[in-house]
Amino acid sequence: MTNEFTIAQTQQSQTQQSQTQQPTEQSTQREDMLENTVFQATLGGGCFWCLEAFFQQLKGISDIQPGFSGGHTENPTYRQVCQGDTGHAEVIQFTYQPDIISYIDILKLFFTVHNPTTLNQQGHDVGTQYRSVVFYHDDYQQYVAQSMIAYLESEKIWQSIVTEVAPFAHFYPAEPEHFDYYRNNPQNRYCTAVIQPKLEKFKSLFADKLIS
């Protein structure tokens, strides 16, 4: 297993002030963080089945869709993306309510549950479709992503991060059978061997952010 969950484990034992500051809501000074306002986020960190299963547990997250982004083929199929010819990454796209969960916290979780140092690979999943990527929807998201990466590298939580930070352009939903994949296929070998152990650890580390 790769070294996921390093952020949460390191922060639990961290006592010294960092030279490069971790992004905070105060430091970013976003002006539009209003109650009941929702924003969109698009993230890729390997197989979208995993990310969907993690983010479905979180308060303030809704409308999660697995799909494809960042490529040149319109309306690609899962099979086409898996062949590696479309340029797309497997991603999840969702809306979030920042008065419940901030984009900063979203990226903390994102960089905890996957390995951002393996180029075009997560575990046994290899190919550009499995690349680590943040597709930002506005300047604020771009700033937070770049600041978070700088912080993680300065703290040596992750070194040599290869996560792509790119402007969002298009999102194409995956086929219906990929929605709620873990919930609908709990006995699938990939779900039991890969997703379930990570999901249990995720829940133990982020209990305060989970839907009750």
C-alpha atoms as a PDB file:
ATOM      1  CA  MET A   1       0.000   0.000   0.000  1.00  0.00           C
ATOM      2  CA  THR A   2       1.265   3.461  -0.788  1.00  0.00           C
ATOM      3  CA  ASN A   3       1.905   6.036   1.907  1.00  0.00           C
ATOM      4  CA  GLU A   4      -1.556   7.596   1.970  1.00  0.00           C
ATOM      5  CA  PHE A   5      -2.931   9.180   5.121  1.00  0.00           C
ATOM      6  CA  THR A   6       0.464  10.790   5.782  1.00  0.00           C
ATOM      7  CA  ILE A   7      -1.000  14.285   6.136  1.00  0.00           C
ATOM      8  CA  ALA A   8      -3.442  13.418   8.872  1.00  0.00           C
ATOM      9  CA  GLN A   9      -0.924  11.303  10.781  1.00  0.00           C
ATOM     10  CA  THR A  10       1.779  13.947  10.533  1.00  0.00           C
ATOM     11  CA  GLN A  11      -0.501  16.782  11.585  1.00  0.00           C
ATOM     12  CA  GLN A  12      -1.662  14.844  14.631  1.00  0.00           C
ATOM     13  CA  SER A  13       1.925  14.730  15.943  1.00  0.00           C
ATOM     14  CA  GLN A  14       3.147  18.067  14.573  1.00  0.00           C
ATOM     15  CA  THR A  15       4.016  20.708  17.214  1.00  0.00           C
ATOM     16  CA  GLN A  16       6.412  23.127  15.511  1.00  0.00           C
ATOM     17  CA  GLN A  17       5.426  26.125  13.388  1.00  0.00           C
ATOM     18  CA  SER A  18       6.139  25.702   9.689  1.00  0.00           C
ATOM     19  CA  GLN A  19       8.245  28.182   7.750  1.00  0.00           C
ATOM     20  CA  THR A  20       5.830  27.792   4.824  1.00  0.00           C
ATOM     21  CA  GLN A  21       2.365  28.346   6.268  1.00  0.00           C
ATOM     22  CA  GLN A  22      -0.422  25.901   5.703  1.00  0.00           C
ATOM     23  CA  PRO A  23      -3.296  27.600   3.841  1.00  0.00           C
ATOM     24  CA  THR A  24      -6.057  28.817   6.138  1.00  0.00           C
ATOM     25  CA  GLU A  25      -9.367  30.535   5.564  1.00  0.00           C
ATOM     26  CA  GLN A  26      -7.921  33.660   7.177  1.00  0.00           C
ATOM     27  CA  SER A  27      -4.846  33.723   4.939  1.00  0.00           C
ATOM     28  CA  THR A  28      -6.813  33.233   1.726  1.00  0.00           C
ATOM     29  CA  GLN A  29      -9.461  35.812   2.677  1.00  0.00           C
ATOM     30  CA  ARG A  30     -12.138  34.552   0.330  1.00  0.00           C
ATOM     31  CA  GLU A  31     -14.981  37.054   0.341  1.00  0.00           C
ATOM     32  CA  ASP A  32     -17.752  34.863  -1.001  1.00  0.00           C
ATOM     33  CA  MET A  33     -17.850  32.231   1.744  1.00  0.00           C
ATOM     34  CA  LEU A  34     -21.538  32.747   2.442  1.00  0.00           C
ATOM     35  CA  GLU A  35     -23.953  30.563   4.320  1.00  0.00           C
ATOM     36  CA  ASN A  36     -25.907  28.210   2.021  1.00  0.00           C
ATOM     37  CA  THR A  37     -23.654  29.083  -0.935  1.00  0.00           C
ATOM     38  CA  VAL A  38     -22.377  26.106  -2.920  1.00  0.00           C
ATOM     39  CA  PHE A  39     -19.347  25.741  -5.152  1.00  0.00           C
ATOM     40  CA  GLN A  40     -18.086  23.053  -7.483  1.00  0.00           C
ATOM     41  CA  ALA A  41     -14.881  21.032  -7.265  1.00  0.00           C
ATOM     42  CA  THR A  42     -13.265  18.554  -9.658  1.00  0.00           C
ATOM     43  CA  LEU A  43     -10.499  16.221  -8.462  1.00  0.00           C
ATOM     44  CA  GLY A  44      -8.637  13.219  -9.843  1.00  0.00           C
ATOM     45  CA  GLY A  45      -6.617  10.872  -7.672  1.00  0.00           C
ATOM     46  CA  GLY A  46      -6.605   7.466  -9.330  1.00  0.00           C
ATOM     47  CA  CYS A  47      -9.707   5.316  -9.735  1.00  0.00           C
ATOM     48  CA  PHE A  48     -12.834   7.402  -9.280  1.00  0.00           C
ATOM     49  CA  TRP A  49     -14.533   4.560  -7.405  1.00  0.00           C
ATOM     50  CA  CYS A  50     -12.186   5.252  -4.464  1.00  0.00           C
ATOM     51  CA  LEU A  51     -12.589   9.019  -4.360  1.00  0.00           C
ATOM     52  CA  GLU A  52     -16.348   8.746  -4.674  1.00  0.00           C
ATOM     53  CA  ALA A  53     -16.506   6.326  -1.719  1.00  0.00           C
ATOM     54  CA  PHE A  54     -14.443   8.682   0.470  1.00  0.00           C
ATOM     55  CA  PHE A  55     -16.202  11.930  -0.381  1.00  0.00           C
ATOM     56  CA  GLN A  56     -19.656  10.404  -0.004  1.00  0.00           C
ATOM     57  CA  GLN A  57     -18.933  10.200   3.726  1.00  0.00           C
ATOM     58  CA  LEU A  58     -18.406  13.943   4.212  1.00  0.00           C
ATOM     59  CA  LYS A  59     -20.710  16.618   5.536  1.00  0.00           C
ATOM     60  CA  GLY A  60     -21.256  19.553   3.174  1.00  0.00           C
ATOM     61  CA  ILE A  61     -20.634  17.500   0.012  1.00  0.00           C
ATOM     62  CA  SER A  62     -23.405  16.721  -2.474  1.00  0.00           C
ATOM     63  CA  ASP A  63     -24.093  15.777  -6.097  1.00  0.00           C
ATOM     64  CA  ILE A  64     -20.970  13.619  -6.422  1.00  0.00           C
ATOM     65  CA  GLN A  65     -20.465  12.363  -9.962  1.00  0.00           C
ATOM     66  CA  PRO A  66     -17.680  10.106 -11.246  1.00  0.00           C
ATOM     67  CA  GLY A  67     -16.515  10.996 -14.709  1.00  0.00           C
ATOM     68  CA  PHE A  68     -13.762  12.261 -16.951  1.00  0.00           C
ATOM     69  CA  SER A  69     -12.009  15.594 -17.426  1.00  0.00           C
ATOM     70  CA  GLY A  70      -8.862  17.106 -18.873  1.00  0.00           C
ATOM     71  CA  GLY A  71      -8.808  15.355 -22.228  1.00  0.00           C
ATOM     72  CA  HIS A  72      -9.601  15.995 -25.871  1.00  0.00           C
ATOM     73  CA  THR A  73     -12.265  13.397 -26.651  1.00  0.00           C
ATOM     74  CA  GLU A  74     -15.881  14.506 -26.331  1.00  0.00           C
ATOM     75  CA  ASN A  75     -18.246  12.263 -24.381  1.00  0.00           C
ATOM     76  CA  PRO A  76     -15.729   9.458 -23.890  1.00  0.00           C
ATOM     77  CA  THR A  77     -16.722   6.023 -22.647  1.00  0.00           C
ATOM     78  CA  TYR A  78     -15.069   4.322 -19.703  1.00  0.00           C
ATOM     79  CA  ARG A  79     -13.505   1.811 -22.085  1.00  0.00           C
ATOM     80  CA  GLN A  80     -12.016   4.599 -24.235  1.00  0.00           C
ATOM     81  CA  VAL A  81     -10.556   6.370 -21.209  1.00  0.00           C
ATOM     82  CA  CYS A  82      -9.052   3.127 -19.905  1.00  0.00           C
ATOM     83  CA  GLN A  83      -7.244   2.697 -23.220  1.00  0.00           C
ATOM     84  CA  GLY A  84      -5.368   5.918 -22.442  1.00  0.00           C
ATOM     85  CA  ASP A  85      -6.004   7.657 -25.762  1.00  0.00           C
ATOM     86  CA  THR A  86      -8.488  10.344 -24.720  1.00  0.00           C
ATOM     87  CA  GLY A  87      -6.224  12.464 -22.492  1.00  0.00           C
ATOM     88  CA  HIS A  88      -8.875  12.395 -19.763  1.00  0.00           C
ATOM     89  CA  ALA A  89      -8.349  11.650 -16.103  1.00  0.00           C
ATOM     90  CA  GLU A  90     -10.819   9.745 -13.975  1.00  0.00           C
ATOM     91  CA  VAL A  91     -12.279  12.375 -11.628  1.00  0.00           C
ATOM     92  CA  ILE A  92     -15.112  13.084  -9.287  1.00  0.00           C
ATOM     93  CA  GLN A  93     -17.043  16.324  -9.536  1.00  0.00           C
ATOM     94  CA  PHE A  94     -19.228  17.549  -6.690  1.00  0.00           C
ATOM     95  CA  THR A  95     -20.681  20.593  -5.022  1.00  0.00           C
ATOM     96  CA  TYR A  96     -19.650  21.681  -1.558  1.00  0.00           C
ATOM     97  CA  GLN A  97     -21.005  24.115   0.996  1.00  0.00           C
ATOM     98  CA  PRO A  98     -18.025  26.126   2.334  1.00  0.00           C
ATOM     99  CA  ASP A  99     -19.651  27.074   5.610  1.00  0.00           C
ATOM    100  CA  ILE A 100     -19.681  23.332   6.369  1.00  0.00           C
ATOM    101  CA  ILE A 101     -16.514  22.134   4.632  1.00  0.00           C
ATOM    102  CA  SER A 102     -13.971  24.502   3.111  1.00  0.00           C
ATOM    103  CA  TYR A 103     -12.026  23.954  -0.086  1.00  0.00           C
ATOM    104  CA  ILE A 104      -8.891  23.929   2.041  1.00  0.00           C
ATOM    105  CA  ASP A 105     -10.234  20.996   4.056  1.00  0.00           C
ATOM    106  CA  ILE A 106     -11.312  19.281   0.851  1.00  0.00           C
ATOM    107  CA  LEU A 107      -7.753  19.434  -0.453  1.00  0.00           C
ATOM    108  CA  LYS A 108      -6.332  18.248   2.880  1.00  0.00           C
ATOM    109  CA  LEU A 109      -8.522  15.189   2.561  1.00  0.00           C
ATOM    110  CA  PHE A 110      -7.705  14.776  -1.120  1.00  0.00           C
ATOM    111  CA  PHE A 111      -3.952  14.823  -0.512  1.00  0.00           C
ATOM    112  CA  THR A 112      -4.408  12.391   2.357  1.00  0.00           C
ATOM    113  CA  VAL A 113      -6.302   9.652   0.551  1.00  0.00           C
ATOM    114  CA  HIS A 114      -4.074   9.256  -2.499  1.00  0.00           C
ATOM    115  CA  ASN A 115      -0.376   9.390  -3.329  1.00  0.00           C
ATOM    116  CA  PRO A 116       0.419  12.611  -5.238  1.00  0.00           C
ATOM    117  CA  THR A 117       4.046  11.634  -5.914  1.00  0.00           C
ATOM    118  CA  THR A 118       3.524   8.735  -8.345  1.00  0.00           C
ATOM    119  CA  LEU A 119       3.213   9.997 -11.903  1.00  0.00           C
ATOM    120  CA  ASN A 120       0.195   8.557 -13.719  1.00  0.00           C
ATOM    121  CA  GLN A 121      -0.186   5.808 -11.149  1.00  0.00           C
ATOM    122  CA  GLN A 122      -2.075   4.870  -7.994  1.00  0.00           C
ATOM    123  CA  GLY A 123      -1.077   1.483  -6.670  1.00  0.00           C
ATOM    124  CA  HIS A 124      -1.610  -1.082  -9.415  1.00  0.00           C
ATOM    125  CA  ASP A 125      -3.611   1.372 -11.542  1.00  0.00           C
ATOM    126  CA  VAL A 126      -1.234   2.762 -14.170  1.00  0.00           C
ATOM    127  CA  GLY A 127      -1.931   5.242 -16.957  1.00  0.00           C
ATOM    128  CA  THR A 128      -2.514   8.935 -17.550  1.00  0.00           C
ATOM    129  CA  GLN A 129      -6.185   8.421 -16.682  1.00  0.00           C
ATOM    130  CA  TYR A 130      -5.078   7.766 -13.085  1.00  0.00           C
ATOM    131  CA  ARG A 131      -3.011  10.928 -12.731  1.00  0.00           C
ATOM    132  CA  SER A 132      -3.234  13.175  -9.686  1.00  0.00           C
ATOM    133  CA  VAL A 133      -4.938  16.393 -10.722  1.00  0.00           C
ATOM    134  CA  VAL A 134      -6.833  19.387  -9.364  1.00  0.00           C
ATOM    135  CA  PHE A 135      -9.030  21.077 -11.944  1.00  0.00           C
ATOM    136  CA  TYR A 136      -9.689  24.499 -10.472  1.00  0.00           C
ATOM    137  CA  HIS A 137     -12.901  26.425 -11.160  1.00  0.00           C
ATOM    138  CA  ASP A 138     -11.664  29.875 -10.128  1.00  0.00           C
ATOM    139  CA  ASP A 139      -8.566  31.781  -9.022  1.00  0.00           C
ATOM    140  CA  TYR A 140      -9.239  30.965  -5.386  1.00  0.00           C
ATOM    141  CA  GLN A 141      -9.138  27.213  -5.976  1.00  0.00           C
ATOM    142  CA  GLN A 142      -5.952  27.590  -8.019  1.00  0.00           C
ATOM    143  CA  TYR A 143      -4.310  29.557  -5.217  1.00  0.00           C
ATOM    144  CA  VAL A 144      -5.331  27.084  -2.531  1.00  0.00           C
ATOM    145  CA  ALA A 145      -4.115  24.084  -4.568  1.00  0.00           C
ATOM    146  CA  GLN A 146      -0.727  25.631  -5.317  1.00  0.00           C
ATOM    147  CA  SER A 147      -0.314  26.823  -1.720  1.00  0.00           C
ATOM    148  CA  MET A 148      -1.249  23.415  -0.343  1.00  0.00           C
ATOM    149  CA  ILE A 149       1.303  21.669  -2.547  1.00  0.00           C
ATOM    150  CA  ALA A 150       4.016  24.125  -1.478  1.00  0.00           C
ATOM    151  CA  TYR A 151       3.133  23.536   2.168  1.00  0.00           C
ATOM    152  CA  LEU A 152       3.129  19.729   1.891  1.00  0.00           C
ATOM    153  CA  GLU A 153       6.528  19.748   0.210  1.00  0.00           C
ATOM    154  CA  SER A 154       8.043  22.260   2.640  1.00  0.00           C
ATOM    155  CA  GLU A 155       6.870  20.123   5.579  1.00  0.00           C
ATOM    156  CA  LYS A 156       8.171  16.987   3.822  1.00  0.00           C
ATOM    157  CA  ILE A 157       4.743  15.426   4.275  1.00  0.00           C
ATOM    158  CA  TRP A 158       4.962  14.579   0.590  1.00  0.00           C
ATOM    159  CA  GLN A 159       8.071  15.196  -1.491  1.00  0.00           C
ATOM    160  CA  SER A 160       8.245  15.723  -5.263  1.00  0.00           C
ATOM    161  CA  ILE A 161       4.501  16.125  -5.723  1.00  0.00           C
ATOM    162  CA  VAL A 162       3.456  15.602  -9.345  1.00  0.00           C
ATOM    163  CA  THR A 163      -0.174  16.707  -8.989  1.00  0.00           C
ATOM    164  CA  GLU A 164      -1.345  18.664 -12.015  1.00  0.00           C
ATOM    165  CA  VAL A 165      -3.107  21.944 -11.222  1.00  0.00           C
ATOM    166  CA  ALA A 166      -5.081  22.910 -14.310  1.00  0.00           C
ATOM    167  CA  PRO A 167      -8.101  25.056 -15.216  1.00  0.00           C
ATOM    168  CA  PHE A 168     -11.377  23.209 -15.453  1.00  0.00           C
ATOM    169  CA  ALA A 169     -12.810  22.991 -18.963  1.00  0.00           C
ATOM    170  CA  HIS A 170     -15.234  20.099 -19.427  1.00  0.00           C
ATOM    171  CA  PHE A 171     -16.655  17.249 -17.386  1.00  0.00           C
ATOM    172  CA  TYR A 172     -18.207  14.130 -18.872  1.00  0.00           C
ATOM    173  CA  PRO A 173     -20.122  11.848 -16.491  1.00  0.00           C
ATOM    174  CA  ALA A 174     -19.237   8.182 -16.499  1.00  0.00           C
ATOM    175  CA  GLU A 175     -21.764   5.500 -17.366  1.00  0.00           C
ATOM    176  CA  PRO A 176     -24.515   4.889 -14.752  1.00  0.00           C
ATOM    177  CA  GLU A 177     -22.933   1.664 -13.486  1.00  0.00           C
ATOM    178  CA  HIS A 178     -19.981   3.669 -12.120  1.00  0.00           C
ATOM    179  CA  PHE A 179     -22.160   5.839  -9.881  1.00  0.00           C
ATOM    180  CA  ASP A 180     -22.286   4.698  -6.227  1.00  0.00           C
ATOM    181  CA  TYR A 181     -19.937   1.909  -7.220  1.00  0.00           C
ATOM    182  CA  TYR A 182     -18.718   0.970  -3.757  1.00  0.00           C
ATOM    183  CA  ARG A 183     -22.194   1.122  -2.242  1.00  0.00           C
ATOM    184  CA  ASN A 184     -23.648  -1.027  -5.012  1.00  0.00           C
ATOM    185  CA  ASN A 185     -20.762  -3.496  -5.250  1.00  0.00           C
ATOM    186  CA  PRO A 186     -19.430  -4.032  -1.703  1.00  0.00           C
ATOM    187  CA  GLN A 187     -18.370  -7.615  -2.457  1.00  0.00           C
ATOM    188  CA  ASN A 188     -16.428  -6.704  -5.587  1.00  0.00           C
ATOM    189  CA  ARG A 189     -12.813  -7.792  -5.184  1.00  0.00           C
ATOM    190  CA  TYR A 190     -11.470  -4.281  -5.822  1.00  0.00           C
ATOM    191  CA  CYS A 191     -13.871  -2.869  -3.247  1.00  0.00           C
ATOM    192  CA  THR A 192     -12.935  -5.356  -0.529  1.00  0.00           C
ATOM    193  CA  ALA A 193      -9.190  -5.358  -1.185  1.00  0.00           C
ATOM    194  CA  VAL A 194      -8.552  -1.680  -1.994  1.00  0.00           C
ATOM    195  CA  ILE A 195     -11.420   0.609  -1.062  1.00  0.00           C
ATOM    196  CA  GLN A 196     -12.701  -0.912   2.173  1.00  0.00           C
ATOM    197  CA  PRO A 197      -9.413  -0.861   4.176  1.00  0.00           C
ATOM    198  CA  LYS A 198      -8.695   2.722   3.129  1.00  0.00           C
ATOM    199  CA  LEU A 199     -12.260   3.791   3.835  1.00  0.00           C
ATOM    200  CA  GLU A 200     -12.105   2.416   7.375  1.00  0.00           C
ATOM    201  CA  LYS A 201      -8.885   4.320   8.023  1.00  0.00           C
ATOM    202  CA  PHE A 202     -10.350   7.439   6.451  1.00  0.00           C
ATOM    203  CA  LYS A 203     -13.339   7.280   8.794  1.00  0.00           C
ATOM    204  CA  SER A 204     -11.132   6.896  11.846  1.00  0.00           C
ATOM    205  CA  LEU A 205      -8.981   9.899  10.920  1.00  0.00           C
ATOM    206  CA  PHE A 206     -11.759  12.264   9.893  1.00  0.00           C
ATOM    207  CA  ALA A 207     -14.604  11.292  12.202  1.00  0.00           C
ATOM    208  CA  ASP A 208     -15.461  14.928  12.894  1.00  0.00           C
ATOM    209  CA  LYS A 209     -16.182  15.591   9.201  1.00  0.00           C
ATOM    210  CA  LEU A 210     -18.363  12.566   8.515  1.00  0.00           C
ATOM    211  CA  ILE A 211     -22.100  12.501   7.981  1.00  0.00           C
ATOM    212  CA  SER A 212     -23.606  11.261  11.218  1.00  0.00           C
END
